């Protein structure tokens, strides 16, 4: 793996992308998972993309432009405090908005809540240990996909799940190659994302 490829993988599969991927699975790959009407699915997905990807991403870019953070790589724990806290707060607001204003389906709100809790836990842990946010997000996506496939016996999720696992491995290798994390930090991120999302979704959907 060369440096350009490692950087490209890190940029494309950044943590802020994960909520959008989760909702693609929920709304389109397993339509029976929610009661969201077909005619508003695209609008809901677009709202998720704007509120959980584009706006937080632009906010982080704005912090870099204003020199509030020294780099977008956020190589130290100290550089991560402000942007991670900002994203946690914003996701909390988005989750509350979906609960109070767009409460069409409980699973939609629960999904946003679980993602928000994962980010809050990641932010808290970052005060003590710089675990991988990339792998936290991707391992959470793996866990959610596994539970959804168990609940709905959806064979359609087999190949997406294999793809997500491969991407998680490639991104983890990229973070190590770029010296952005040590192996234990990548493992810590995986455990945080997978355990939080698996336990939450298993309890909500299967118990």
Protein backbone atom coordinates (compact mmCIF):
# COMPACT_ATOMS: atom_id res chain seq x y z
CA UNK A 1 0.00 0.00 0.00
CA UNK A 2 1.37 3.43 -0.96
CA UNK A 3 0.80 6.66 0.89
CA UNK A 4 -1.57 8.17 -1.70
CA UNK A 5 -3.87 5.15 -1.58
CA UNK A 6 -3.82 5.13 2.22
CA UNK A 7 -4.74 8.83 2.32
CA UNK A 8 -7.49 8.32 -0.27
CA UNK A 9 -9.05 5.48 1.73
CA UNK A 10 -8.89 7.55 4.92
CA UNK A 11 -10.56 10.51 3.23
CA UNK A 12 -13.30 8.58 1.42
CA UNK A 13 -14.28 6.33 4.32
CA UNK A 14 -14.18 8.96 7.02
CA UNK A 15 -16.35 8.48 10.15
CA UNK A 16 -18.92 11.11 9.12
CA UNK A 17 -19.88 8.96 6.13
CA UNK A 18 -21.12 6.06 8.27
CA UNK A 19 -24.62 7.39 9.20
CA UNK A 20 -25.40 7.89 5.51
CA UNK A 21 -24.34 4.31 4.72
CA UNK A 22 -26.43 2.97 7.60
CA UNK A 23 -29.52 4.74 6.27
CA UNK A 24 -28.92 3.48 2.73
CA UNK A 25 -29.10 -0.04 4.19
CA UNK A 26 -32.16 0.71 6.32
CA UNK A 27 -34.18 2.52 3.70
CA UNK A 28 -33.24 0.70 0.50
CA UNK A 29 -31.57 -2.67 1.12
CA UNK A 30 -34.04 -3.74 3.83
CA UNK A 31 -37.23 -1.78 3.11
CA UNK A 32 -39.17 -3.92 5.61
CA UNK A 33 -36.98 -2.64 8.46
CA UNK A 34 -38.86 0.65 8.67
CA UNK A 35 -42.32 2.02 8.02
CA UNK A 36 -40.96 5.08 6.24
CA UNK A 37 -43.17 5.71 3.18
CA UNK A 38 -41.48 5.04 -0.14
CA UNK A 39 -42.17 8.54 -1.42
CA UNK A 40 -40.18 10.24 1.35
CA UNK A 41 -37.26 7.83 1.65
CA UNK A 42 -35.01 9.84 -0.64
CA UNK A 43 -35.84 13.07 1.18
CA UNK A 44 -35.05 11.44 4.53
CA UNK A 45 -31.75 10.06 3.22
CA UNK A 46 -30.87 13.47 1.82
CA UNK A 47 -31.64 15.06 5.19
CA UNK A 48 -29.39 12.53 6.92
CA UNK A 49 -26.57 13.19 4.45
CA UNK A 50 -26.81 16.96 4.87
CA UNK A 51 -27.17 16.92 8.66
CA UNK A 52 -24.70 14.17 9.59
CA UNK A 53 -22.11 14.49 6.81
CA UNK A 54 -22.07 17.79 4.93
CA UNK A 55 -22.74 20.27 7.75
CA UNK A 56 -20.34 18.65 10.29
CA UNK A 57 -17.70 18.29 7.56
CA UNK A 58 -18.02 21.95 6.59
CA UNK A 59 -17.82 22.90 10.27
CA UNK A 60 -14.55 20.99 10.68
CA UNK A 61 -13.18 22.56 7.49
CA UNK A 62 -14.21 25.94 8.89
CA UNK A 63 -12.29 25.22 12.09
CA UNK A 64 -9.22 24.45 10.01
CA UNK A 65 -9.67 27.61 7.92
CA UNK A 66 -9.97 29.71 11.08
CA UNK A 67 -6.92 27.88 12.49
CA UNK A 68 -8.95 26.63 15.46
CA UNK A 69 -7.42 23.23 14.75
CA UNK A 70 -3.88 22.94 13.36
CA UNK A 71 -4.66 20.23 10.78
CA UNK A 72 -7.44 18.05 9.43
CA UNK A 73 -5.46 14.95 10.39
CA UNK A 74 -5.96 15.77 14.11
CA UNK A 75 -2.84 13.86 15.01
CA UNK A 76 -3.00 14.40 18.77
CA UNK A 77 -5.67 13.97 21.43
CA UNK A 78 -5.71 17.71 22.09
CA UNK A 79 -6.49 18.51 18.44
CA UNK A 80 -9.52 16.19 18.56
CA UNK A 81 -11.29 17.62 21.64
CA UNK A 82 -13.04 20.56 19.99
CA UNK A 83 -14.10 18.98 16.65
CA UNK A 84 -15.21 15.73 18.29
CA UNK A 85 -17.21 17.64 20.92
CA UNK A 86 -18.78 19.79 18.22
CA UNK A 87 -19.81 16.75 16.18
CA UNK A 88 -21.21 15.04 19.31
CA UNK A 89 -23.31 18.10 20.12
CA UNK A 90 -24.53 18.46 16.55
CA UNK A 91 -25.49 14.78 16.28
CA UNK A 92 -27.39 15.13 19.55
CA UNK A 93 -29.36 18.05 18.11
CA UNK A 94 -30.08 16.11 14.90
CA UNK A 95 -31.26 13.07 16.88
CA UNK A 96 -33.57 15.24 18.98
CA UNK A 97 -34.94 16.88 15.82
CA UNK A 98 -35.76 13.51 14.29
CA UNK A 99 -37.38 12.41 17.56
CA UNK A 100 -39.44 15.56 18.09
CA UNK A 101 -40.27 16.56 14.51
CA UNK A 102 -39.87 13.54 12.22
CA UNK A 103 -40.83 10.67 14.48
CA UNK A 104 -42.03 8.41 11.64
CA UNK A 105 -40.27 5.24 12.75
CA UNK A 106 -38.68 4.23 16.05
CA UNK A 107 -35.79 2.43 14.36
CA UNK A 108 -34.78 5.62 12.53
CA UNK A 109 -34.57 7.57 15.79
CA UNK A 110 -32.89 4.67 17.60
CA UNK A 111 -30.27 4.41 14.86
CA UNK A 112 -29.37 8.08 15.18
CA UNK A 113 -29.33 7.78 18.97
CA UNK A 114 -26.96 4.80 18.85
CA UNK A 115 -24.61 6.60 16.46
CA UNK A 116 -24.68 9.69 18.70
CA UNK A 117 -23.90 7.62 21.81
CA UNK A 118 -20.96 6.02 19.97
CA UNK A 119 -19.59 9.46 19.08
CA UNK A 120 -20.05 10.76 22.63
CA UNK A 121 -18.20 7.71 24.00
CA UNK A 122 -15.45 8.19 21.41
CA UNK A 123 -15.13 11.85 22.42
CA UNK A 124 -14.93 10.95 26.11
CA UNK A 125 -12.32 8.24 25.50
CA UNK A 126 -10.29 10.68 23.39
CA UNK A 127 -9.56 12.70 26.52
CA UNK A 128 -7.47 9.72 27.66
CA UNK A 129 -6.65 7.65 24.58
CA UNK A 130 -6.53 8.44 20.84
CA UNK A 131 -8.41 5.48 19.41
CA UNK A 132 -9.33 5.31 15.73
CA UNK A 133 -12.53 7.19 14.84
CA UNK A 134 -12.42 5.67 11.34
CA UNK A 135 -12.54 2.13 12.68
CA UNK A 136 -15.07 3.03 15.37
CA UNK A 137 -17.47 4.11 12.63
CA UNK A 138 -16.82 1.21 10.26
CA UNK A 139 -16.97 -1.46 12.98
CA UNK A 140 -20.27 0.04 14.13
CA UNK A 141 -21.52 -0.30 10.55
CA UNK A 142 -20.44 -3.94 10.56
CA UNK A 143 -22.31 -4.59 13.82
CA UNK A 144 -25.50 -2.90 12.62
CA UNK A 145 -25.41 -4.85 9.35
CA UNK A 146 -24.90 -8.15 11.21
CA UNK A 147 -27.86 -7.56 13.54
CA UNK A 148 -30.11 -6.42 10.68
CA UNK A 149 -29.25 -9.56 8.72
CA UNK A 150 -30.09 -11.70 11.77
CA UNK A 151 -33.37 -9.91 12.39
CA UNK A 152 -34.68 -9.83 8.84
CA UNK A 153 -32.81 -12.87 7.48
CA UNK A 154 -31.73 -10.66 4.62
CA UNK A 155 -29.44 -12.51 2.21
CA UNK A 156 -29.12 -9.23 0.29
CA UNK A 157 -26.82 -7.99 3.07
CA UNK A 158 -24.24 -10.76 2.62
CA UNK A 159 -22.14 -9.07 -0.05
CA UNK A 160 -22.47 -5.57 1.46
CA UNK A 161 -21.30 -7.05 4.78
CA UNK A 162 -18.29 -8.69 3.15
CA UNK A 163 -17.51 -5.40 1.42
CA UNK A 164 -17.76 -3.41 4.66
CA UNK A 165 -15.45 -5.88 6.44
CA UNK A 166 -12.89 -5.59 3.64
CA UNK A 167 -13.13 -1.79 3.68
CA UNK A 168 -12.70 -1.79 7.47
CA UNK A 169 -9.56 -3.89 7.11
CA UNK A 170 -8.16 -1.66 4.37
CA UNK A 171 -8.88 1.54 6.28
CA UNK A 172 -7.39 0.08 9.46
CA UNK A 173 -4.26 -0.86 7.51
CA UNK A 174 -4.18 2.64 6.01
CA UNK A 175 -4.32 4.28 9.44
CA UNK A 176 -1.44 2.10 10.58
CA UNK A 177 0.55 2.74 7.40
CA UNK A 178 0.14 6.52 7.83
CA UNK A 179 1.28 6.22 11.47
CA UNK A 180 -2.00 7.86 12.47
CA UNK A 181 -2.58 5.12 15.04
CA UNK A 182 -0.92 2.22 16.79
CA UNK A 183 -2.40 -1.29 16.52
CA UNK A 184 -4.01 -1.09 19.97
CA UNK A 185 -5.67 2.21 19.04
CA UNK A 186 -7.19 0.61 15.94
CA UNK A 187 -8.32 -2.37 18.02
CA UNK A 188 -9.77 -0.03 20.64
CA UNK A 189 -11.77 1.79 17.97
CA UNK A 190 -13.06 -1.50 16.59
CA UNK A 191 -14.17 -2.73 20.01
CA UNK A 192 -15.91 0.55 20.85
CA UNK A 193 -17.87 0.77 17.61
CA UNK A 194 -18.76 -2.91 17.30
CA UNK A 195 -19.74 -3.53 20.92
CA UNK A 196 -21.78 -0.33 21.27
CA UNK A 197 -23.76 -0.84 18.06
CA UNK A 198 -24.12 -4.61 18.31
CA UNK A 199 -25.39 -4.58 21.89
CA UNK A 200 -27.74 -1.66 21.21
CA UNK A 201 -29.27 -3.06 18.02
CA UNK A 202 -29.41 -6.62 19.34
CA UNK A 203 -31.34 -5.42 22.39
CA UNK A 204 -33.66 -3.22 20.30
CA UNK A 205 -34.40 -5.67 17.48
CA UNK A 206 -33.87 -9.19 18.81
CA UNK A 207 -34.75 -9.16 22.52
